[in-house]
Structure formats: structure tokens, C-alpha cells
Amino acid sequence: MARIKYYYDTESCRYERIKVSTSDIIFNFMGLAALILIFAAGITYIYITNFDSPKEASLRKENKEILFHNDILSKQVENLGNVVTSLEERDNGVYRTLLGAEPIPESIRNGGIGGVNRYQELIESNLEQEDLIVGNYKKIDELKKKIFIQSTSYDELEKLAKNKEEKFAALPAIQPVSNKDLKRFSSGYGFRNDPIHQTRRMHWGVDFSAPQNTPIYATANGSVTKATYSPGGYGYHIKIDHGFGYETLYGHMNKYIVKIGQKVKRGEIIGYVGNTGKSTAPHLHYEVHKNKKKIDPVHFFSSELSPDEYEKILKLAAIETSALGSY
């Protein structure tokens, strides 16, 4: 039962009944409804700003997973890039050198990817992680191009290598002394201190420190063109012509056991380590010549070394130590 409300009328000096109009009822209802809506909106805002909906929570989790896996993918792409770079360096510095092919220019290996609008469709799609996604596509495209160029290079090298057994036999591809632990490698190619003249001079070969009378081996098939003694230089030394523009020189020997005109095979003993000529200690001075030009012999040791051993001998060759003889 509804409660009846009264008010005191001062003019009639009596209580009069309060009459509520329909408009008052509607106005009061609308006010209450507005208050409820404002309160509900406030609750909803607080919930939205502080709590994720199931869909938002799922999307947030998915986004974290995408970023996590993208990081892993980026590192894998970077590692693959390092592997390809290593293959390129070995290709230019070793394989193409051995086969007499010109190195592939860096401008070709590192050339850009064609197509100005190559990634325009991705950019226009308004991706949430546009930089990451487009960046990875660019890295992968660059890697694919490098791999294609390297694959083409290997195809070219394969053609050069076919039916060239004689040329391979003529390549000075082993170390001239037994050096399994690499400890006998004492001085590399490049500018070094001359121990006799005490000046900085170009060292045109590499030195192997070894006990007197350690066997010296021919590093490739060839014919002996020089076998002589030079007291003011290499002491007892020989030179072998391997054909295809390659020659090797072996200096400061204790003695040689070959003669001019003699044919030798790779791995055949041609003499023994000594300390003759301008030398400060028993060692072998070894040079490689290509078309009468003296080149770094260390690039020709890779065929008998593992990748780790080859990397180690490259590091040893880069250390600027004094040579063991004058040259």
C-alpha cells in the first residue's frame, strides 16, 4: 500500500495531501535511470581499463608469443647470414684462388633486392608489428639472394673442377713439413722484422720451425727447376715448377735430395730442414708463386686441415712475429 504524504498549508492552516503529477513521476524515473547509467558507465570504464576481456587476453598472449618467436627467428636468420658470409669468404679466398677464378665482387654479393614497391603491400596492410615483419622479410630476401649467388658460384667452380685432376695435383695444397698440431708454424706472410738486418721488410713466404733434418715434402706434383746453395740468402734451397703458373720455393735446407729436371709427386721427400744461409735457427722458409707473383701460401693449406684447424692457422699467420731468417 502506497504511503500518502501531506504538507502543512499556512494559508488554510491545515494539512493538505501532496499530489504527484505524471510528469513528476516521469522526471524522477528519468533522473534515476540517468544516475544508474552513469554509475554503470563508470563501472564499465574501470573494468575495461584494468581488466582484459577474454578476447583481449588471448590476443595479448598471442602477441607475446609472436614477439618471442620473432626474436628466435631473427637470431636464426642472423646465424644463417654468418654461415653464408663464411662460405663467401672461403669461396673467394680459397676455392676461387685454387681454381684460378676471379673473386665475386662485393658489389654483386651485397647488391640490393630489386623492386621499389616490393614490400608496399605489407606496409599498406597496417600491420601492428610492421617494422619487425618487413625487416625480417628484407633479411630473408637478402639471404636468399646471397645463397643463390653462392650456389651459382659453386656451379661455376664445379665446371672448372671437372677433368682438372692434373691441375689439382699441381696445386701446392699441403704443408711442406709434418705439422699436425700446427705448432711448427712460426711466421706468416707479410711485413716482418728481419732478424739479420734488424729492419722491417716484406716476408714473401711462411716459416716452419722444426728440428734439424726434419723431412720436407713437395707440396704438389712438378719438376725441379732449381737446386742450389746461396750463402747470402736461402742457403740450400730448391724451386719446383708445378705447371699452370704455380711454383714453390723451399729455403734454408740442411740438404736436398733431388736434382734439376727431376719429376716429383705431392708428399714426396725432397730434402731436410736446416739452418743454412742467412738463418738464425733451424727452419724451412716456404714460398708459393703464381704467374711469377709471390702469394700467401697459407691459403693453400686448407685441403689437409679441418675448418677449425684452418681458422687457427689463419690466426697464427696474422700474428706479426719475427722471421727466422733473412729473405
Protein backbone atom coordinates (compact mmCIF):
# COMPACT_ATOMS: atom_id res chain seq x y z
CA MET A 1 0.00 0.00 0.00
CA ALA A 2 1.45 3.33 -1.08
CA ARG A 3 2.28 5.82 1.62
CA ILE A 4 0.28 9.10 1.41
CA LYS A 5 2.30 12.25 2.04
CA TYR A 6 0.95 15.57 3.38
CA TYR A 7 2.23 19.11 3.75
CA TYR A 8 1.04 21.97 6.07
CA ASP A 9 -0.69 24.81 4.21
CA THR A 10 -0.08 28.07 6.13
CA GLU A 11 -2.89 29.88 4.37
CA SER A 12 -5.63 27.38 5.22
CA CYS A 13 -3.88 26.36 8.47
CA ARG A 14 -4.35 22.68 7.78
CA TYR A 15 -2.59 19.68 6.30
CA GLU A 16 -3.14 19.17 2.61
CA ARG A 17 -2.42 15.97 0.68
CA ILE A 18 0.60 16.11 -1.70
CA LYS A 19 -0.49 15.38 -5.21
CA VAL A 20 2.16 13.79 -7.52
CA SER A 21 1.73 14.52 -11.22
CA THR A 22 2.56 12.12 -14.03
CA SER A 23 5.33 14.46 -15.26
CA ASP A 24 6.93 14.37 -11.80
CA ILE A 25 6.91 10.59 -11.86
CA ILE A 26 8.47 10.52 -15.34
CA PHE A 27 11.08 13.14 -14.40
CA ASN A 28 12.05 11.27 -11.23
CA PHE A 29 12.30 7.99 -13.17
CA MET A 30 14.48 9.56 -15.83
CA GLY A 31 16.78 11.03 -13.20
CA LEU A 32 17.10 7.66 -11.51
CA ALA A 33 17.75 5.98 -14.87
CA ALA A 34 20.41 8.56 -15.73
CA LEU A 35 22.10 8.02 -12.39
CA ILE A 36 22.08 4.27 -12.96
CA LEU A 37 23.55 4.70 -16.47
CA ILE A 38 26.31 7.00 -15.19
CA PHE A 39 27.16 4.53 -12.46
CA ALA A 40 27.16 1.62 -14.94
CA ALA A 41 29.38 3.55 -17.37
CA GLY A 42 31.86 4.26 -14.58
CA ILE A 43 31.98 0.60 -13.58
CA THR A 44 32.40 -0.41 -17.23
CA TYR A 45 35.25 2.08 -17.78
CA ILE A 46 37.08 0.87 -14.69
CA TYR A 47 36.68 -2.74 -15.82
CA ILE A 48 37.82 -2.03 -19.39
CA THR A 49 40.90 -0.04 -18.33
CA ASN A 50 42.01 -2.51 -15.67
CA PHE A 51 40.86 -5.90 -16.91
CA ASP A 52 41.23 -7.62 -20.30
CA SER A 53 38.32 -9.29 -21.95
CA PRO A 54 38.84 -12.98 -22.80
CA LYS A 55 39.48 -11.98 -26.42
CA GLU A 56 41.91 -9.22 -25.47
CA ALA A 57 43.73 -11.54 -23.07
CA SER A 58 44.00 -14.12 -25.85
CA LEU A 59 45.31 -11.51 -28.32
CA ARG A 60 47.79 -10.17 -25.78
CA LYS A 61 49.12 -13.67 -25.15
CA GLU A 62 49.29 -14.34 -28.89
CA ASN A 63 51.19 -11.08 -29.43
CA LYS A 64 53.76 -12.03 -26.77
CA GLU A 65 54.22 -15.42 -28.43
CA ILE A 66 54.68 -13.77 -31.83
CA LEU A 67 57.33 -11.40 -30.44
CA PHE A 68 59.10 -14.30 -28.71
CA HIS A 69 59.22 -16.46 -31.83
CA ASN A 70 60.12 -13.44 -33.98
CA ASP A 71 63.16 -12.88 -31.76
CA ILE A 72 64.20 -16.52 -32.20
CA LEU A 73 63.63 -16.28 -35.97
CA SER A 74 65.70 -13.08 -36.21
CA LYS A 75 68.61 -14.74 -34.40
CA GLN A 76 68.41 -17.80 -36.66
CA VAL A 77 68.40 -15.57 -39.75
CA GLU A 78 71.43 -13.72 -38.35
CA ASN A 79 73.25 -17.02 -37.71
CA LEU A 80 72.47 -18.22 -41.23
CA GLY A 81 73.78 -14.92 -42.54
CA ASN A 82 77.06 -15.50 -40.69
CA VAL A 83 77.33 -19.01 -42.17
CA VAL A 84 76.75 -17.66 -45.69
CA THR A 85 79.36 -14.92 -45.10
CA SER A 86 81.86 -17.59 -44.02
CA LEU A 87 81.11 -19.59 -47.19
CA GLU A 88 81.59 -16.46 -49.30
CA GLU A 89 84.97 -15.71 -47.71
CA ARG A 90 86.14 -19.29 -48.18
CA ASP A 91 84.82 -19.26 -51.75
CA ASN A 92 86.71 -16.08 -52.69
CA GLY A 93 89.82 -16.70 -50.59
CA VAL A 94 90.32 -20.41 -51.14
CA TYR A 95 88.27 -22.20 -53.79
CA ARG A 96 88.35 -19.50 -56.47
CA THR A 97 92.04 -18.87 -55.75
CA LEU A 98 92.85 -22.55 -56.12
CA LEU A 99 90.93 -22.80 -59.38
CA GLY A 100 92.30 -19.57 -60.80
CA ALA A 101 88.89 -17.88 -60.91
CA GLU A 102 88.33 -14.21 -60.18
CA PRO A 103 86.64 -13.49 -56.82
CA ILE A 104 82.99 -12.42 -56.99
CA PRO A 105 82.90 -8.63 -56.35
CA GLU A 106 81.32 -7.46 -53.10
CA SER A 107 79.06 -5.15 -55.10
CA ILE A 108 77.41 -8.23 -56.63
CA ARG A 109 77.27 -10.29 -53.45
CA ASN A 110 75.82 -7.40 -51.43
CA GLY A 111 73.69 -5.83 -54.15
CA GLY A 112 70.17 -4.66 -53.27
CA ILE A 113 66.97 -6.57 -53.86
CA GLY A 114 65.04 -5.48 -56.97
CA GLY A 115 61.63 -3.81 -56.84
CA VAL A 116 60.99 -0.44 -55.23
CA ASN A 117 57.47 -1.45 -54.13
CA ARG A 118 58.47 -4.95 -53.07
CA TYR A 119 57.07 -4.56 -49.56
CA GLN A 120 54.40 -1.94 -50.35
CA GLU A 121 51.52 -4.39 -49.90
CA LEU A 122 52.74 -5.31 -46.43
CA ILE A 123 53.19 -1.64 -45.48
CA GLU A 124 49.72 -0.70 -46.71
CA SER A 125 48.09 -3.51 -44.71
CA ASN A 126 48.75 -1.54 -41.48
CA LEU A 127 50.45 -4.38 -39.61
CA GLU A 128 50.75 -3.99 -35.85
CA GLN A 129 54.40 -5.14 -35.97
CA GLU A 130 55.26 -3.66 -39.38
CA ASP A 131 58.94 -2.92 -38.67
CA LEU A 132 59.62 -6.42 -37.37
CA ILE A 133 57.76 -8.24 -40.12
CA VAL A 134 59.03 -6.14 -43.04
CA GLY A 135 62.54 -6.19 -41.55
CA ASN A 136 62.55 -9.99 -41.42
CA TYR A 137 61.27 -10.22 -44.99
CA LYS A 138 64.12 -7.97 -46.12
CA LYS A 139 66.73 -10.04 -44.26
CA ILE A 140 65.35 -13.29 -45.69
CA ASP A 141 65.28 -11.85 -49.23
CA GLU A 142 68.89 -10.67 -48.88
CA LEU A 143 69.89 -14.09 -47.55
CA LYS A 144 68.11 -15.86 -50.42
CA LYS A 145 69.97 -13.66 -52.92
CA LYS A 146 73.32 -14.38 -51.29
CA ILE A 147 72.59 -18.13 -51.26
CA PHE A 148 71.58 -18.01 -54.93
CA ILE A 149 74.82 -16.20 -55.86
CA GLN A 150 76.85 -18.65 -53.79
CA SER A 151 75.05 -21.60 -55.39
CA THR A 152 75.79 -20.16 -58.83
CA SER A 153 79.43 -19.75 -57.81
CA TYR A 154 79.63 -23.39 -56.75
CA ASP A 155 78.12 -24.42 -60.10
CA GLU A 156 80.83 -22.43 -61.85
CA LEU A 157 83.55 -23.93 -59.64
CA GLU A 158 82.19 -27.41 -60.29
CA LYS A 159 82.57 -26.85 -64.03
CA LEU A 160 86.12 -25.57 -63.54
CA ALA A 161 86.97 -28.57 -61.39
CA LYS A 162 85.76 -31.21 -63.85
CA ASN A 163 88.50 -33.02 -65.74
CA LYS A 164 91.19 -30.99 -63.96
CA GLU A 165 92.81 -33.72 -61.90
CA GLU A 166 96.18 -32.78 -63.31
CA LYS A 167 95.73 -29.17 -62.26
CA PHE A 168 94.67 -30.16 -58.75
CA ALA A 169 97.73 -32.37 -58.48
CA ALA A 170 99.79 -29.32 -59.43
CA LEU A 171 98.29 -27.13 -56.71
CA PRO A 172 100.57 -26.75 -53.64
CA ALA A 173 97.82 -27.93 -51.30
CA ILE A 174 99.66 -29.39 -48.29
CA GLN A 175 102.09 -28.11 -45.68
CA PRO A 176 105.74 -28.80 -46.63
CA VAL A 177 106.56 -30.31 -43.22
CA SER A 178 104.59 -32.55 -40.88
CA ASN A 179 102.64 -30.15 -38.68
CA LYS A 180 99.62 -31.94 -37.25
CA ASP A 181 99.37 -29.81 -34.11
CA LEU A 182 100.22 -26.60 -36.07
CA LYS A 183 102.90 -25.71 -33.51
CA ARG A 184 105.66 -25.58 -36.15
CA PHE A 185 104.09 -22.63 -37.95
CA SER A 186 106.26 -19.75 -36.72
CA SER A 187 105.91 -16.78 -39.06
CA GLY A 188 103.40 -15.75 -41.70
CA TYR A 189 103.39 -13.86 -45.00
CA GLY A 190 103.65 -10.06 -44.81
CA PHE A 191 105.82 -7.38 -43.27
CA ARG A 192 108.03 -8.82 -40.54
CA ASN A 193 111.21 -7.96 -38.63
CA ASP A 194 114.32 -9.25 -40.44
CA PRO A 195 116.44 -10.89 -37.71
CA ILE A 196 119.70 -10.37 -39.63
CA HIS A 197 119.31 -6.78 -40.84
CA GLN A 198 117.05 -5.70 -37.94
CA THR A 199 114.74 -3.88 -40.33
CA ARG A 200 111.09 -4.25 -41.17
CA ARG A 201 110.82 -5.98 -44.55
CA MET A 202 108.30 -7.91 -46.60
CA HIS A 203 108.35 -11.63 -45.77
CA TRP A 204 107.39 -13.31 -49.04
CA GLY A 205 106.63 -16.73 -47.56
CA VAL A 206 105.96 -18.59 -44.32
CA ASP A 207 108.38 -20.16 -41.84
CA PHE A 208 108.10 -23.56 -40.19
CA SER A 209 110.27 -24.05 -37.11
CA ALA A 210 111.43 -27.68 -36.94
CA PRO A 211 114.39 -29.72 -35.70
CA GLN A 212 117.37 -30.20 -37.99
CA ASN A 213 116.82 -32.90 -40.64
CA THR A 214 113.02 -32.91 -40.32
CA PRO A 215 111.74 -34.21 -43.72
CA ILE A 216 110.50 -31.65 -46.25
CA TYR A 217 107.78 -32.69 -48.70
CA ALA A 218 106.88 -31.48 -52.17
CA THR A 219 103.51 -29.78 -51.81
CA ALA A 220 102.35 -30.70 -55.33
CA ASN A 221 103.38 -32.62 -58.44
CA GLY A 222 106.01 -30.87 -60.52
CA SER A 223 109.51 -30.65 -61.87
CA VAL A 224 112.59 -29.36 -60.02
CA THR A 225 113.90 -26.24 -61.79
CA LYS A 226 116.42 -25.07 -59.22
CA ALA A 227 118.61 -26.88 -56.67
CA THR A 228 121.47 -24.74 -55.41
CA TYR A 229 123.21 -23.08 -52.47
CA SER A 230 123.16 -19.34 -51.68
CA PRO A 231 125.29 -18.39 -48.62
CA GLY A 232 123.89 -14.86 -48.54
CA GLY A 233 120.23 -15.81 -48.76
CA TYR A 234 118.25 -19.05 -48.75
CA GLY A 235 121.24 -21.38 -48.19
CA TYR A 236 120.47 -24.78 -49.68
CA HIS A 237 117.19 -24.31 -51.49
CA ILE A 238 115.18 -25.68 -54.37
CA LYS A 239 112.38 -24.48 -56.61
CA ILE A 240 109.70 -26.68 -58.18
CA ASP A 241 107.62 -25.78 -61.23
CA HIS A 242 104.15 -27.33 -60.88
CA GLY A 243 102.69 -26.03 -64.12
CA PHE A 244 99.59 -23.87 -64.54
CA GLY A 245 101.66 -20.90 -63.36
CA TYR A 246 102.47 -22.38 -59.91
CA GLU A 247 105.96 -22.61 -58.40
CA THR A 248 107.17 -23.32 -54.85
CA LEU A 249 110.45 -22.49 -53.14
CA TYR A 250 111.98 -24.28 -50.13
CA GLY A 251 114.80 -22.43 -48.35
CA HIS A 252 117.43 -22.81 -45.59
CA MET A 253 117.50 -26.62 -46.05
CA ASN A 254 120.20 -28.76 -44.48
CA LYS A 255 120.32 -30.64 -47.77
CA TYR A 256 118.17 -31.54 -50.74
CA ILE A 257 117.88 -34.99 -52.30
CA VAL A 258 116.56 -34.06 -55.73
CA LYS A 259 118.20 -32.66 -58.86
CA ILE A 260 117.23 -30.21 -61.57
CA GLY A 261 114.78 -31.73 -64.04
CA GLN A 262 113.59 -34.43 -61.64
CA LYS A 263 109.84 -35.10 -61.50
CA VAL A 264 108.36 -35.18 -58.01
CA LYS A 265 104.96 -36.09 -56.58
CA ARG A 266 102.99 -34.37 -53.86
CA GLY A 267 104.11 -35.74 -50.47
CA GLU A 268 107.47 -36.97 -51.75
CA ILE A 269 110.50 -36.13 -49.57
CA ILE A 270 112.72 -33.60 -51.38
CA GLY A 271 115.10 -32.62 -48.58
CA TYR A 272 115.54 -31.87 -44.89
CA VAL A 273 115.15 -28.85 -42.61
CA GLY A 274 118.36 -26.97 -41.91
CA ASN A 275 119.88 -23.71 -40.77
CA THR A 276 121.83 -22.68 -43.87
CA GLY A 277 122.19 -19.27 -45.49
CA LYS A 278 121.01 -16.24 -43.56
CA SER A 279 119.13 -18.15 -40.89
CA THR A 280 119.00 -17.77 -37.11
CA ALA A 281 117.52 -21.21 -36.25
CA PRO A 282 116.61 -24.48 -37.96
CA HIS A 283 113.51 -23.86 -40.04
CA LEU A 284 112.01 -24.06 -43.51
CA HIS A 285 111.19 -20.92 -45.47
CA TYR A 286 108.41 -21.77 -47.93
CA GLU A 287 107.03 -19.66 -50.78
CA VAL A 288 104.26 -20.06 -53.37
CA HIS A 289 104.45 -18.20 -56.69
CA LYS A 290 101.56 -17.81 -59.13
CA ASN A 291 102.48 -16.47 -62.58
CA LYS A 292 105.80 -15.22 -61.15
CA LYS A 293 103.98 -13.33 -58.38
CA LYS A 294 104.63 -14.31 -54.76
CA ILE A 295 101.38 -15.03 -52.89
CA ASP A 296 100.41 -16.07 -49.36
CA PRO A 297 100.97 -19.85 -49.00
CA VAL A 298 98.59 -20.16 -46.05
CA HIS A 299 95.57 -20.13 -48.40
CA PHE A 300 96.74 -23.44 -49.88
CA PHE A 301 96.77 -25.48 -46.65
CA SER A 302 93.01 -25.91 -46.37
CA SER A 303 92.78 -29.27 -48.18
CA GLU A 304 94.50 -31.16 -45.35
CA LEU A 305 93.05 -29.17 -42.45
CA SER A 306 89.68 -29.20 -40.75
CA PRO A 307 87.77 -25.88 -40.73
CA ASP A 308 88.84 -25.28 -37.10
CA GLU A 309 92.49 -26.05 -37.90
CA TYR A 310 92.40 -23.82 -40.96
CA GLU A 311 90.92 -20.97 -38.92
CA LYS A 312 93.63 -21.48 -36.31
CA ILE A 313 96.47 -21.34 -38.85
CA LEU A 314 94.97 -18.16 -40.35
CA LYS A 315 95.09 -16.58 -36.89
CA LEU A 316 98.69 -17.73 -36.42
CA ALA A 317 99.63 -16.27 -39.81
CA ALA A 318 98.12 -12.92 -38.84
CA ILE A 319 100.35 -12.59 -35.75
CA GLU A 320 103.30 -10.37 -36.61
CA THR A 321 106.25 -12.42 -35.33
CA SER A 322 109.87 -12.08 -36.45
CA ALA A 323 111.02 -14.31 -39.29
CA LEU A 324 113.74 -16.91 -38.57
CA GLY A 325 115.92 -15.94 -41.49
CA SER A 326 116.75 -13.16 -43.90
CA TYR A 327 114.93 -13.10 -47.23
